[in-house]
Amino acid sequence: MLSQPVTVFALCGVLAMAMGIMRVRREQFDTRTLVMAALLLALAVILQQLRLFHMPQGGSVTAGAMLPLLLIGYRFGVGTGLLAGFVYGILNMVQDPFILHPIQVLFDYPLPFMAMGLAGLFRRHIYLGTALAFGLRFLCHFVSGFVFFGSYAPEGVSPIYYSLVFNATYLVPEMIICCLLLKVLPVRKLVESIDTHPQHQEKLHQIQQS
C-alpha cells in the first residue's frame, strides 16, 4: 500500500484541477455563491443520511442526496460544481472511510461526486446533464470495483461483471429518484434566470471580448 502522503498529494492535485477549471471558465465565486453552495452541500449531507437501501460493501440509495450537487452545477457552473463535489467527497470519506489505495480513494470519493458538477455542461438539457453526471460517477465506482474490490465477487463470477451489477444496483435507482425530483422542482426556471441575470450577461460579454 502506498503511503498516506501520496493520497494527500493526489487529493491536492484533484482540488487544484477543479479550481483551475473554475478559473478558466471565469466563474464568480463570491459570497452569495459560497453561502448558497454551502447550504446545498449541507442539504446533500443530510439527504445522504436518509438511506432507502444500503449495499453491504458500500453504496446506497438515498432520498436524492445527489440532487443538491446537480443543482450547484446547473446554477453556478461546472467549475463550482466540481469544487463542491470535491468537498462532498472528502466529507463522505471522513464519515465513512474505506481506504485501500490512493487511486482507489480518488475513484471512490472525490472523482465520482465531482462528476455531478459536470451536469452543468447541459444547463438547458437537465436530464441529459443528469445522465452524464451519473454515468461518469458509475464509471469511477465501476473501475474501483473491479480493480480494488474484485475479491468480493462470488466464486466463478467475473470481477468486471460483479462491479457492473453491484454499482448499477444502487446508482440506477439513485438517478431515477433525482430525475423525478428534477421533474417536480422548478429547475428550468432557475437555469433560465441565469441567462437573464445582469452579472451573467456581463460575464458573457467579457468572454466574447477576450
N, C-alpha and C. Protein backbone atom coordinates (compact mmCIF):
# COMPACT_ATOMS: atom_id res chain seq x y z
N MET A 1 0.85 -1.20 0.00
CA MET A 1 0.00 0.00 0.00
C MET A 1 0.88 1.24 0.00
N LEU A 2 0.53 2.22 -0.83
CA LEU A 2 1.31 3.43 -0.88
C LEU A 2 1.08 4.26 0.37
N SER A 3 2.02 5.15 0.65
CA SER A 3 1.98 5.93 1.88
C SER A 3 0.85 6.94 1.86
N GLN A 4 0.50 7.38 3.06
CA GLN A 4 -0.57 8.36 3.21
C GLN A 4 -0.26 9.69 2.51
N PRO A 5 1.01 10.17 2.54
CA PRO A 5 1.30 11.42 1.82
C PRO A 5 0.95 11.38 0.34
N VAL A 6 1.07 10.20 -0.28
CA VAL A 6 0.72 10.09 -1.70
C VAL A 6 -0.77 10.36 -1.89
N THR A 7 -1.58 9.85 -0.97
CA THR A 7 -3.03 10.09 -1.03
C THR A 7 -3.34 11.58 -0.90
N VAL A 8 -2.69 12.23 0.05
CA VAL A 8 -2.89 13.67 0.25
C VAL A 8 -2.46 14.44 -0.99
N PHE A 9 -1.33 14.06 -1.56
CA PHE A 9 -0.82 14.73 -2.76
C PHE A 9 -1.81 14.56 -3.92
N ALA A 10 -2.37 13.37 -4.07
CA ALA A 10 -3.33 13.11 -5.14
C ALA A 10 -4.59 13.95 -4.96
N LEU A 11 -5.07 14.04 -3.72
CA LEU A 11 -6.26 14.84 -3.45
C LEU A 11 -6.01 16.31 -3.73
N CYS A 12 -4.82 16.80 -3.37
CA CYS A 12 -4.48 18.19 -3.64
C CYS A 12 -4.43 18.46 -5.14
N GLY A 13 -3.94 17.47 -5.89
CA GLY A 13 -3.91 17.61 -7.34
C GLY A 13 -5.29 17.72 -7.94
N VAL A 14 -6.21 16.90 -7.45
CA VAL A 14 -7.60 16.95 -7.95
C VAL A 14 -8.25 18.28 -7.57
N LEU A 15 -7.99 18.76 -6.36
CA LEU A 15 -8.53 20.05 -5.92
C LEU A 15 -8.01 21.18 -6.80
N ALA A 16 -6.71 21.15 -7.10
CA ALA A 16 -6.12 22.18 -7.96
C ALA A 16 -6.75 22.15 -9.35
N MET A 17 -7.04 20.95 -9.84
CA MET A 17 -7.67 20.82 -11.15
C MET A 17 -9.05 21.47 -11.16
N ALA A 18 -9.84 21.21 -10.10
CA ALA A 18 -11.19 21.79 -10.01
C ALA A 18 -11.14 23.31 -9.96
N MET A 19 -10.21 23.84 -9.18
CA MET A 19 -10.09 25.30 -9.06
C MET A 19 -9.58 25.90 -10.37
N GLY A 20 -8.72 25.17 -11.07
CA GLY A 20 -8.23 25.64 -12.36
C GLY A 20 -9.34 25.72 -13.39
N ILE A 21 -10.21 24.72 -13.42
CA ILE A 21 -11.33 24.73 -14.36
C ILE A 21 -12.27 25.90 -14.04
N MET A 22 -12.50 26.13 -12.75
CA MET A 22 -13.36 27.24 -12.37
C MET A 22 -12.76 28.57 -12.83
N ARG A 23 -11.44 28.69 -12.74
CA ARG A 23 -10.77 29.92 -13.17
C ARG A 23 -10.83 30.07 -14.69
N VAL A 24 -10.59 28.99 -15.41
CA VAL A 24 -10.62 29.04 -16.87
C VAL A 24 -12.01 29.44 -17.37
N ARG A 25 -13.04 28.91 -16.73
CA ARG A 25 -14.41 29.22 -17.14
C ARG A 25 -14.89 30.56 -16.58
N ARG A 26 -14.05 31.22 -15.79
CA ARG A 26 -14.33 32.55 -15.27
C ARG A 26 -15.63 32.58 -14.46
N GLU A 27 -15.79 31.59 -13.63
CA GLU A 27 -16.98 31.54 -12.77
C GLU A 27 -16.72 32.36 -11.51
N GLN A 28 -17.67 33.18 -11.15
CA GLN A 28 -17.54 34.04 -9.98
C GLN A 28 -17.86 33.25 -8.72
N PHE A 29 -16.91 33.29 -7.78
CA PHE A 29 -17.11 32.58 -6.51
C PHE A 29 -17.20 33.63 -5.41
N ASP A 30 -18.28 34.41 -5.45
CA ASP A 30 -18.47 35.48 -4.48
C ASP A 30 -19.14 34.95 -3.22
N THR A 31 -19.43 35.87 -2.30
CA THR A 31 -20.01 35.48 -1.01
C THR A 31 -21.37 34.80 -1.19
N ARG A 32 -22.17 35.34 -2.09
CA ARG A 32 -23.50 34.76 -2.33
C ARG A 32 -23.39 33.33 -2.84
N THR A 33 -22.49 33.11 -3.80
CA THR A 33 -22.28 31.76 -4.32
C THR A 33 -21.80 30.82 -3.24
N LEU A 34 -20.86 31.30 -2.42
CA LEU A 34 -20.31 30.48 -1.34
C LEU A 34 -21.39 30.05 -0.36
N VAL A 35 -22.24 30.99 0.03
CA VAL A 35 -23.29 30.69 1.00
C VAL A 35 -24.30 29.69 0.42
N MET A 36 -24.75 29.93 -0.81
CA MET A 36 -25.74 29.06 -1.41
C MET A 36 -25.17 27.66 -1.67
N ALA A 37 -23.93 27.61 -2.12
CA ALA A 37 -23.30 26.30 -2.36
C ALA A 37 -23.12 25.56 -1.04
N ALA A 38 -22.75 26.27 0.03
CA ALA A 38 -22.58 25.64 1.33
C ALA A 38 -23.90 25.08 1.85
N LEU A 39 -24.99 25.81 1.64
CA LEU A 39 -26.31 25.33 2.07
C LEU A 39 -26.71 24.08 1.30
N LEU A 40 -26.46 24.07 0.00
CA LEU A 40 -26.79 22.90 -0.81
C LEU A 40 -25.92 21.71 -0.42
N LEU A 41 -24.65 21.96 -0.11
CA LEU A 41 -23.78 20.88 0.35
C LEU A 41 -24.29 20.29 1.67
N ALA A 42 -24.71 21.17 2.58
CA ALA A 42 -25.25 20.70 3.86
C ALA A 42 -26.50 19.86 3.63
N LEU A 43 -27.33 20.28 2.67
CA LEU A 43 -28.54 19.51 2.35
C LEU A 43 -28.16 18.14 1.79
N ALA A 44 -27.12 18.09 0.96
CA ALA A 44 -26.67 16.81 0.40
C ALA A 44 -26.20 15.87 1.50
N VAL A 45 -25.49 16.41 2.48
CA VAL A 45 -25.01 15.59 3.60
C VAL A 45 -26.19 15.04 4.40
N ILE A 46 -27.20 15.88 4.61
CA ILE A 46 -28.39 15.44 5.36
C ILE A 46 -29.14 14.36 4.59
N LEU A 47 -29.33 14.58 3.30
CA LEU A 47 -30.06 13.60 2.48
C LEU A 47 -29.30 12.27 2.38
N GLN A 48 -27.98 12.34 2.46
CA GLN A 48 -27.17 11.12 2.41
C GLN A 48 -27.49 10.21 3.59
N GLN A 49 -27.90 10.81 4.71
CA GLN A 49 -28.23 10.01 5.90
C GLN A 49 -29.60 9.34 5.78
N LEU A 50 -30.43 9.82 4.85
CA LEU A 50 -31.76 9.24 4.66
C LEU A 50 -31.65 8.12 3.62
N ARG A 51 -31.13 7.00 4.04
CA ARG A 51 -30.86 5.89 3.12
C ARG A 51 -32.08 4.98 3.00
N LEU A 52 -32.48 4.79 1.76
CA LEU A 52 -33.59 3.88 1.49
C LEU A 52 -33.11 2.44 1.40
N PHE A 53 -31.83 2.29 0.99
CA PHE A 53 -31.25 0.95 0.85
C PHE A 53 -29.74 1.10 0.91
N HIS A 54 -29.08 0.20 1.64
CA HIS A 54 -27.63 0.27 1.79
C HIS A 54 -27.00 -1.04 1.35
N MET A 55 -25.99 -0.94 0.46
CA MET A 55 -25.30 -2.12 -0.04
C MET A 55 -24.29 -2.61 1.00
N PRO A 56 -24.05 -3.91 1.07
CA PRO A 56 -23.14 -4.48 2.09
C PRO A 56 -21.72 -3.92 2.03
N GLN A 57 -21.15 -3.74 0.82
CA GLN A 57 -19.79 -3.25 0.69
C GLN A 57 -19.72 -1.76 0.34
N GLY A 58 -20.76 -1.02 0.67
CA GLY A 58 -20.75 0.41 0.37
C GLY A 58 -21.72 0.74 -0.75
N GLY A 59 -22.10 2.01 -0.81
CA GLY A 59 -23.08 2.43 -1.81
C GLY A 59 -24.48 2.31 -1.27
N SER A 60 -25.30 3.31 -1.54
CA SER A 60 -26.66 3.28 -1.01
C SER A 60 -27.59 4.10 -1.89
N VAL A 61 -28.87 3.76 -1.79
CA VAL A 61 -29.92 4.54 -2.45
C VAL A 61 -30.47 5.51 -1.41
N THR A 62 -30.39 6.81 -1.71
CA THR A 62 -30.80 7.82 -0.75
C THR A 62 -32.02 8.57 -1.25
N ALA A 63 -32.45 9.51 -0.45
CA ALA A 63 -33.61 10.35 -0.81
C ALA A 63 -33.16 11.52 -1.68
N GLY A 64 -32.36 11.22 -2.70
CA GLY A 64 -31.93 12.27 -3.63
C GLY A 64 -30.74 13.08 -3.15
N ALA A 65 -29.76 12.42 -2.52
CA ALA A 65 -28.61 13.15 -1.97
C ALA A 65 -27.79 13.85 -3.05
N MET A 66 -27.81 13.33 -4.28
CA MET A 66 -27.02 13.94 -5.35
C MET A 66 -27.70 15.16 -5.97
N LEU A 67 -28.96 15.34 -5.68
CA LEU A 67 -29.70 16.46 -6.27
C LEU A 67 -29.06 17.82 -5.95
N PRO A 68 -28.70 18.11 -4.69
CA PRO A 68 -28.06 19.40 -4.41
C PRO A 68 -26.76 19.62 -5.20
N LEU A 69 -25.98 18.56 -5.41
CA LEU A 69 -24.74 18.70 -6.18
C LEU A 69 -25.07 18.99 -7.64
N LEU A 70 -26.11 18.36 -8.17
CA LEU A 70 -26.54 18.65 -9.54
C LEU A 70 -26.99 20.11 -9.65
N LEU A 71 -27.72 20.58 -8.66
CA LEU A 71 -28.21 21.96 -8.68
C LEU A 71 -27.07 22.97 -8.64
N ILE A 72 -26.02 22.65 -7.90
CA ILE A 72 -24.86 23.55 -7.86
C ILE A 72 -24.24 23.67 -9.25
N GLY A 73 -24.11 22.54 -9.93
CA GLY A 73 -23.57 22.56 -11.28
C GLY A 73 -24.45 23.33 -12.24
N TYR A 74 -25.76 23.12 -12.15
CA TYR A 74 -26.69 23.81 -13.04
C TYR A 74 -26.74 25.31 -12.74
N ARG A 75 -26.71 25.67 -11.48
CA ARG A 75 -26.89 27.07 -11.08
C ARG A 75 -25.61 27.90 -11.20
N PHE A 76 -24.48 27.34 -10.79
CA PHE A 76 -23.26 28.14 -10.70
C PHE A 76 -22.19 27.75 -11.72
N GLY A 77 -22.37 26.64 -12.42
CA GLY A 77 -21.40 26.29 -13.44
C GLY A 77 -20.58 25.06 -13.10
N VAL A 78 -19.86 24.58 -14.10
CA VAL A 78 -19.11 23.33 -13.97
C VAL A 78 -17.99 23.44 -12.94
N GLY A 79 -17.22 24.51 -13.00
CA GLY A 79 -16.09 24.65 -12.07
C GLY A 79 -16.53 24.64 -10.62
N THR A 80 -17.57 25.41 -10.32
CA THR A 80 -18.10 25.45 -8.95
C THR A 80 -18.68 24.09 -8.56
N GLY A 81 -19.33 23.43 -9.53
CA GLY A 81 -19.87 22.10 -9.27
C GLY A 81 -18.78 21.08 -8.97
N LEU A 82 -17.66 21.16 -9.69
CA LEU A 82 -16.54 20.26 -9.42
C LEU A 82 -15.97 20.50 -8.03
N LEU A 83 -15.82 21.76 -7.67
CA LEU A 83 -15.28 22.08 -6.34
C LEU A 83 -16.21 21.59 -5.24
N ALA A 84 -17.52 21.79 -5.42
CA ALA A 84 -18.49 21.33 -4.43
C ALA A 84 -18.47 19.81 -4.32
N GLY A 85 -18.36 19.13 -5.47
CA GLY A 85 -18.29 17.67 -5.44
C GLY A 85 -17.05 17.17 -4.73
N PHE A 86 -15.94 17.89 -4.90
CA PHE A 86 -14.71 17.51 -4.20
C PHE A 86 -14.91 17.60 -2.69
N VAL A 87 -15.48 18.72 -2.25
CA VAL A 87 -15.71 18.90 -0.81
C VAL A 87 -16.64 17.82 -0.27
N TYR A 88 -17.70 17.53 -1.03
CA TYR A 88 -18.63 16.49 -0.58
C TYR A 88 -17.94 15.14 -0.51
N GLY A 89 -17.09 14.84 -1.49
CA GLY A 89 -16.36 13.57 -1.48
C GLY A 89 -15.47 13.43 -0.27
N ILE A 90 -14.80 14.53 0.12
CA ILE A 90 -13.94 14.49 1.30
C ILE A 90 -14.77 14.28 2.56
N LEU A 91 -15.91 14.97 2.65
CA LEU A 91 -16.80 14.79 3.80
C LEU A 91 -17.29 13.34 3.87
N ASN A 92 -17.62 12.77 2.72
CA ASN A 92 -18.08 11.39 2.67
C ASN A 92 -16.98 10.44 3.11
N MET A 93 -15.74 10.74 2.72
CA MET A 93 -14.62 9.90 3.11
C MET A 93 -14.37 9.96 4.61
N VAL A 94 -14.52 11.16 5.19
CA VAL A 94 -14.32 11.33 6.63
C VAL A 94 -15.40 10.58 7.41
N GLN A 95 -16.65 10.62 6.91
CA GLN A 95 -17.76 9.98 7.60
C GLN A 95 -17.73 8.46 7.49
N ASP A 96 -17.37 7.97 6.31
CA ASP A 96 -17.43 6.52 6.08
C ASP A 96 -16.21 6.07 5.27
N PRO A 97 -15.02 6.11 5.88
CA PRO A 97 -13.80 5.80 5.13
C PRO A 97 -13.60 4.31 4.88
N PHE A 98 -13.15 3.99 3.68
CA PHE A 98 -12.76 2.62 3.33
C PHE A 98 -11.61 2.77 2.33
N ILE A 99 -10.39 2.81 2.85
CA ILE A 99 -9.23 3.18 2.05
C ILE A 99 -8.30 1.99 1.88
N LEU A 100 -8.04 1.64 0.62
CA LEU A 100 -7.10 0.57 0.30
C LEU A 100 -5.87 1.07 -0.44
N HIS A 101 -6.06 2.13 -1.24
CA HIS A 101 -5.01 2.59 -2.14
C HIS A 101 -5.31 4.04 -2.53
N PRO A 102 -4.28 4.88 -2.75
CA PRO A 102 -4.54 6.28 -3.14
C PRO A 102 -5.40 6.41 -4.39
N ILE A 103 -5.20 5.54 -5.38
CA ILE A 103 -6.01 5.61 -6.59
C ILE A 103 -7.45 5.23 -6.29
N GLN A 104 -7.62 4.24 -5.42
CA GLN A 104 -8.97 3.83 -5.02
C GLN A 104 -9.68 4.97 -4.29
N VAL A 105 -8.94 5.74 -3.50
CA VAL A 105 -9.52 6.89 -2.80
C VAL A 105 -10.08 7.88 -3.81
N LEU A 106 -9.31 8.16 -4.85
CA LEU A 106 -9.76 9.11 -5.87
C LEU A 106 -11.02 8.63 -6.57
N PHE A 107 -11.05 7.34 -6.93
CA PHE A 107 -12.17 6.81 -7.70
C PHE A 107 -13.41 6.52 -6.86
N ASP A 108 -13.27 6.49 -5.54
CA ASP A 108 -14.43 6.22 -4.69
C ASP A 108 -14.95 7.45 -3.97
N TYR A 109 -14.14 8.49 -3.87
CA TYR A 109 -14.57 9.66 -3.09
C TYR A 109 -14.63 10.96 -3.90
N PRO A 110 -13.54 11.67 -4.18
CA PRO A 110 -13.73 12.96 -4.86
C PRO A 110 -14.23 12.87 -6.30
N LEU A 111 -13.63 12.00 -7.12
CA LEU A 111 -13.96 11.98 -8.54
C LEU A 111 -15.43 11.66 -8.85
N PRO A 112 -16.03 10.64 -8.24
CA PRO A 112 -17.44 10.34 -8.59
C PRO A 112 -18.40 11.46 -8.22
N PHE A 113 -18.11 12.18 -7.13
CA PHE A 113 -19.01 13.25 -6.73
C PHE A 113 -18.71 14.54 -7.48
N MET A 114 -17.46 14.72 -7.91
CA MET A 114 -17.14 15.84 -8.79
C MET A 114 -17.86 15.69 -10.13
N ALA A 115 -18.10 14.44 -10.51
CA ALA A 115 -18.81 14.19 -11.77
C ALA A 115 -20.19 14.83 -11.76
N MET A 116 -20.79 14.98 -10.59
CA MET A 116 -22.10 15.61 -10.51
C MET A 116 -22.06 17.04 -11.02
N GLY A 117 -20.93 17.71 -10.81
CA GLY A 117 -20.80 19.08 -11.27
C GLY A 117 -20.79 19.22 -12.77
N LEU A 118 -20.40 18.15 -13.48
CA LEU A 118 -20.35 18.19 -14.94
C LEU A 118 -21.74 18.27 -15.56
N ALA A 119 -22.77 18.06 -14.75
CA ALA A 119 -24.13 18.24 -15.25
C ALA A 119 -24.33 19.67 -15.73
N GLY A 120 -23.55 20.60 -15.18
CA GLY A 120 -23.64 22.00 -15.58
C GLY A 120 -23.29 22.25 -17.03
N LEU A 121 -22.70 21.27 -17.71
CA LEU A 121 -22.42 21.41 -19.14
C LEU A 121 -23.70 21.45 -19.96
N PHE A 122 -24.80 20.94 -19.38
CA PHE A 122 -26.07 20.86 -20.11
C PHE A 122 -27.17 21.56 -19.31
N ARG A 123 -26.99 22.85 -19.09
CA ARG A 123 -27.98 23.60 -18.32
C ARG A 123 -29.36 23.60 -18.96
N ARG A 124 -29.40 23.56 -20.28
CA ARG A 124 -30.69 23.59 -20.98
C ARG A 124 -31.25 22.19 -21.23
N HIS A 125 -30.51 21.20 -20.87
CA HIS A 125 -30.96 19.81 -21.04
C HIS A 125 -30.63 19.06 -19.74
N ILE A 126 -31.42 19.32 -18.71
CA ILE A 126 -31.06 18.86 -17.38
C ILE A 126 -31.05 17.34 -17.25
N TYR A 127 -31.91 16.66 -17.98
CA TYR A 127 -31.91 15.20 -17.87
C TYR A 127 -30.69 14.61 -18.57
N LEU A 128 -30.27 15.22 -19.65
CA LEU A 128 -29.04 14.78 -20.31
C LEU A 128 -27.84 15.04 -19.40
N GLY A 129 -27.83 16.20 -18.75
CA GLY A 129 -26.76 16.51 -17.81
C GLY A 129 -26.73 15.55 -16.63
N THR A 130 -27.91 15.20 -16.13
CA THR A 130 -28.01 14.25 -15.01
C THR A 130 -27.52 12.88 -15.43
N ALA A 131 -27.90 12.45 -16.64
CA ALA A 131 -27.44 11.15 -17.13
C ALA A 131 -25.93 11.12 -17.30
N LEU A 132 -25.36 12.23 -17.81
CA LEU A 132 -23.90 12.32 -17.95
C LEU A 132 -23.22 12.23 -16.59
N ALA A 133 -23.74 12.98 -15.62
CA ALA A 133 -23.14 13.01 -14.29
C ALA A 133 -23.15 11.63 -13.65
N PHE A 134 -24.30 10.96 -13.69
CA PHE A 134 -24.39 9.64 -13.07
C PHE A 134 -23.60 8.60 -13.88
N GLY A 135 -23.54 8.78 -15.19
CA GLY A 135 -22.75 7.86 -16.00
C GLY A 135 -21.27 7.92 -15.64
N LEU A 136 -20.76 9.14 -15.43
CA LEU A 136 -19.35 9.29 -15.05
C LEU A 136 -19.11 8.82 -13.62
N ARG A 137 -20.09 9.07 -12.75
CA ARG A 137 -19.94 8.57 -11.39
C ARG A 137 -19.91 7.04 -11.38
N PHE A 138 -20.79 6.45 -12.18
CA PHE A 138 -20.81 4.99 -12.30
C PHE A 138 -19.46 4.48 -12.81
N LEU A 139 -18.89 5.16 -13.79
CA LEU A 139 -17.61 4.73 -14.35
C LEU A 139 -16.52 4.73 -13.29
N CYS A 140 -16.50 5.76 -12.44
CA CYS A 140 -15.50 5.83 -11.37
C CYS A 140 -15.64 4.65 -10.41
N HIS A 141 -16.86 4.42 -9.93
CA HIS A 141 -17.08 3.32 -8.98
C HIS A 141 -16.86 1.96 -9.65
N PHE A 142 -17.20 1.86 -10.93
CA PHE A 142 -17.02 0.61 -11.66
C PHE A 142 -15.54 0.25 -11.75
N VAL A 143 -14.70 1.22 -12.11
CA VAL A 143 -13.26 0.97 -12.19
C VAL A 143 -12.71 0.56 -10.83
N SER A 144 -13.09 1.30 -9.79
CA SER A 144 -12.64 0.96 -8.44
C SER A 144 -13.13 -0.42 -8.04
N GLY A 145 -14.35 -0.76 -8.44
CA GLY A 145 -14.95 -2.03 -8.04
C GLY A 145 -14.20 -3.24 -8.57
N PHE A 146 -13.88 -3.25 -9.86
CA PHE A 146 -13.24 -4.46 -10.38
C PHE A 146 -11.73 -4.47 -10.17
N VAL A 147 -11.12 -3.27 -9.97
CA VAL A 147 -9.67 -3.23 -9.74
C VAL A 147 -9.33 -3.52 -8.28
N PHE A 148 -10.06 -2.89 -7.36
CA PHE A 148 -9.70 -2.98 -5.95
C PHE A 148 -10.62 -3.87 -5.11
N PHE A 149 -11.82 -4.16 -5.61
CA PHE A 149 -12.76 -4.95 -4.82
C PHE A 149 -13.21 -6.21 -5.56
N GLY A 150 -12.42 -6.61 -6.55
CA GLY A 150 -12.77 -7.81 -7.31
C GLY A 150 -12.81 -9.07 -6.46
N SER A 151 -12.09 -9.06 -5.33
CA SER A 151 -12.06 -10.24 -4.47
C SER A 151 -13.41 -10.51 -3.82
N TYR A 152 -14.30 -9.51 -3.80
CA TYR A 152 -15.62 -9.69 -3.21
C TYR A 152 -16.58 -10.44 -4.16
N ALA A 153 -16.17 -10.57 -5.40
CA ALA A 153 -17.02 -11.26 -6.37
C ALA A 153 -17.21 -12.72 -5.99
N PRO A 154 -18.42 -13.26 -6.09
CA PRO A 154 -18.65 -14.68 -5.79
C PRO A 154 -17.80 -15.57 -6.70
N GLU A 155 -17.53 -16.74 -6.23
CA GLU A 155 -16.71 -17.68 -6.99
C GLU A 155 -17.34 -17.96 -8.36
N GLY A 156 -16.51 -17.84 -9.38
CA GLY A 156 -16.98 -18.10 -10.73
C GLY A 156 -17.58 -16.89 -11.44
N VAL A 157 -17.68 -15.77 -10.73
CA VAL A 157 -18.24 -14.54 -11.32
C VAL A 157 -17.11 -13.58 -11.65
N SER A 158 -17.12 -13.05 -12.84
CA SER A 158 -16.09 -12.11 -13.27
C SER A 158 -16.14 -10.85 -12.41
N PRO A 159 -14.97 -10.35 -11.95
CA PRO A 159 -14.95 -9.09 -11.19
C PRO A 159 -15.56 -7.92 -11.95
N ILE A 160 -15.39 -7.93 -13.28
CA ILE A 160 -15.96 -6.85 -14.09
C ILE A 160 -17.48 -6.91 -14.05
N TYR A 161 -18.04 -8.10 -14.23
CA TYR A 161 -19.49 -8.27 -14.18
C TYR A 161 -20.01 -7.95 -12.79
N TYR A 162 -19.28 -8.39 -11.78
CA TYR A 162 -19.69 -8.13 -10.40
C TYR A 162 -19.74 -6.62 -10.12
N SER A 163 -18.71 -5.90 -10.54
CA SER A 163 -18.67 -4.46 -10.32
C SER A 163 -19.77 -3.76 -11.10
N LEU A 164 -20.03 -4.23 -12.31
CA LEU A 164 -21.08 -3.65 -13.14
C LEU A 164 -22.44 -3.75 -12.47
N VAL A 165 -22.79 -4.95 -12.03
CA VAL A 165 -24.10 -5.19 -11.41
C VAL A 165 -24.19 -4.51 -10.05
N PHE A 166 -23.12 -4.63 -9.27
CA PHE A 166 -23.12 -4.07 -7.92
C PHE A 166 -23.38 -2.57 -7.94
N ASN A 167 -22.65 -1.85 -8.77
CA ASN A 167 -22.78 -0.39 -8.79
C ASN A 167 -24.08 0.05 -9.47
N ALA A 168 -24.53 -0.69 -10.48
CA ALA A 168 -25.79 -0.34 -11.13
C ALA A 168 -26.98 -0.52 -10.18
N THR A 169 -26.85 -1.46 -9.24
CA THR A 169 -27.95 -1.78 -8.32
C THR A 169 -28.39 -0.56 -7.51
N TYR A 170 -27.43 0.29 -7.12
CA TYR A 170 -27.83 1.45 -6.32
C TYR A 170 -27.75 2.76 -7.09
N LEU A 171 -26.92 2.84 -8.14
CA LEU A 171 -26.80 4.11 -8.86
C LEU A 171 -27.97 4.36 -9.81
N VAL A 172 -28.50 3.30 -10.43
CA VAL A 172 -29.65 3.49 -11.32
C VAL A 172 -30.88 3.99 -10.54
N PRO A 173 -31.25 3.36 -9.41
CA PRO A 173 -32.37 3.92 -8.63
C PRO A 173 -32.09 5.33 -8.13
N GLU A 174 -30.84 5.60 -7.75
CA GLU A 174 -30.48 6.94 -7.28
C GLU A 174 -30.70 7.97 -8.38
N MET A 175 -30.32 7.63 -9.60
CA MET A 175 -30.50 8.55 -10.72
C MET A 175 -31.99 8.76 -11.01
N ILE A 176 -32.77 7.71 -10.94
CA ILE A 176 -34.21 7.82 -11.20
C ILE A 176 -34.87 8.75 -10.17
N ILE A 177 -34.48 8.60 -8.92
CA ILE A 177 -35.03 9.46 -7.86
C ILE A 177 -34.68 10.93 -8.14
N CYS A 178 -33.44 11.19 -8.53
CA CYS A 178 -33.03 12.56 -8.82
C CYS A 178 -33.79 13.12 -10.01
N CYS A 179 -34.00 12.31 -11.03
CA CYS A 179 -34.75 12.76 -12.20
C CYS A 179 -36.20 13.09 -11.84
N LEU A 180 -36.80 12.29 -10.97
CA LEU A 180 -38.17 12.56 -10.53
C LEU A 180 -38.24 13.86 -9.74
N LEU A 181 -37.23 14.10 -8.91
CA LEU A 181 -37.20 15.35 -8.13
C LEU A 181 -36.97 16.55 -9.05
N LEU A 182 -36.13 16.37 -10.06
CA LEU A 182 -35.90 17.45 -11.02
C LEU A 182 -37.18 17.77 -11.79
N LYS A 183 -38.01 16.76 -12.00
CA LYS A 183 -39.28 16.95 -12.69
C LYS A 183 -40.22 17.80 -11.86
N VAL A 184 -40.16 17.62 -10.54
CA VAL A 184 -41.07 18.33 -9.64
C VAL A 184 -40.59 19.77 -9.37
N LEU A 185 -39.28 19.93 -9.18
CA LEU A 185 -38.72 21.23 -8.83
C LEU A 185 -38.62 22.14 -10.06
N PRO A 186 -38.71 23.46 -9.85
CA PRO A 186 -38.64 24.42 -10.98
C PRO A 186 -37.19 24.68 -11.40
N VAL A 187 -36.48 23.63 -11.78
CA VAL A 187 -35.07 23.77 -12.12
C VAL A 187 -34.88 24.56 -13.40
N ARG A 188 -35.74 24.34 -14.38
CA ARG A 188 -35.60 25.04 -15.66
C ARG A 188 -35.72 26.56 -15.48
N LYS A 189 -36.63 26.98 -14.64
CA LYS A 189 -36.79 28.42 -14.39
C LYS A 189 -35.53 28.97 -13.72
N LEU A 190 -34.95 28.18 -12.83
CA LEU A 190 -33.73 28.60 -12.15
C LEU A 190 -32.60 28.78 -13.15
N VAL A 191 -32.46 27.82 -14.06
CA VAL A 191 -31.40 27.89 -15.06
C VAL A 191 -31.64 29.03 -16.03
N GLU A 192 -32.90 29.22 -16.45
CA GLU A 192 -33.21 30.30 -17.38
C GLU A 192 -32.94 31.66 -16.76
N SER A 193 -33.11 31.77 -15.43
CA SER A 193 -32.87 33.04 -14.76
C SER A 193 -31.39 33.42 -14.80
N ILE A 194 -30.52 32.43 -14.96
CA ILE A 194 -29.09 32.71 -15.03
C ILE A 194 -28.78 33.50 -16.30
N ASP A 195 -29.39 33.10 -17.41
CA ASP A 195 -29.10 33.73 -18.69
C ASP A 195 -29.58 35.17 -18.76
N THR A 196 -30.57 35.52 -17.93
CA THR A 196 -31.10 36.88 -17.96
C THR A 196 -30.56 37.73 -16.82
N HIS A 197 -29.73 37.15 -15.94
CA HIS A 197 -29.18 37.91 -14.83
C HIS A 197 -28.12 38.88 -15.35
N PRO A 198 -28.12 40.14 -14.89
CA PRO A 198 -27.16 41.13 -15.39
C PRO A 198 -25.71 40.71 -15.25
N GLN A 199 -25.34 40.07 -14.14
CA GLN A 199 -23.96 39.65 -13.95
C GLN A 199 -23.57 38.60 -14.98
N HIS A 200 -24.51 37.70 -15.31
CA HIS A 200 -24.21 36.66 -16.28
C HIS A 200 -24.05 37.27 -17.67
N GLN A 201 -24.89 38.25 -18.00
CA GLN A 201 -24.76 38.91 -19.29
C GLN A 201 -23.43 39.64 -19.39
N GLU A 202 -23.00 40.27 -18.29
CA GLU A 202 -21.72 40.97 -18.28
C GLU A 202 -20.57 39.99 -18.46
N LYS A 203 -20.66 38.82 -17.82
CA LYS A 203 -19.60 37.82 -17.94
C LYS A 203 -19.52 37.30 -19.37
N LEU A 204 -20.69 37.07 -20.00
CA LEU A 204 -20.70 36.62 -21.39
C LEU A 204 -20.04 37.64 -22.30
N HIS A 205 -20.30 38.94 -22.02
CA HIS A 205 -19.71 39.99 -22.83
C HIS A 205 -18.19 40.00 -22.68
N GLN A 206 -17.70 39.80 -21.45
CA GLN A 206 -16.26 39.77 -21.22
C GLN A 206 -15.60 38.61 -21.94
N ILE A 207 -16.27 37.45 -21.94
CA ILE A 207 -15.72 36.28 -22.62
C ILE A 207 -15.65 36.51 -24.12
N GLN A 208 -16.71 37.13 -24.67
CA GLN A 208 -16.74 37.38 -26.10
C GLN A 208 -15.68 38.39 -26.51
N GLN A 209 -15.35 39.34 -25.61
CA GLN A 209 -14.35 40.36 -25.93
C GLN A 209 -12.92 39.85 -25.80
N SER A 210 -12.71 38.74 -25.05
CA SER A 210 -11.35 38.23 -24.81
C SER A 210 -10.85 37.43 -26.01
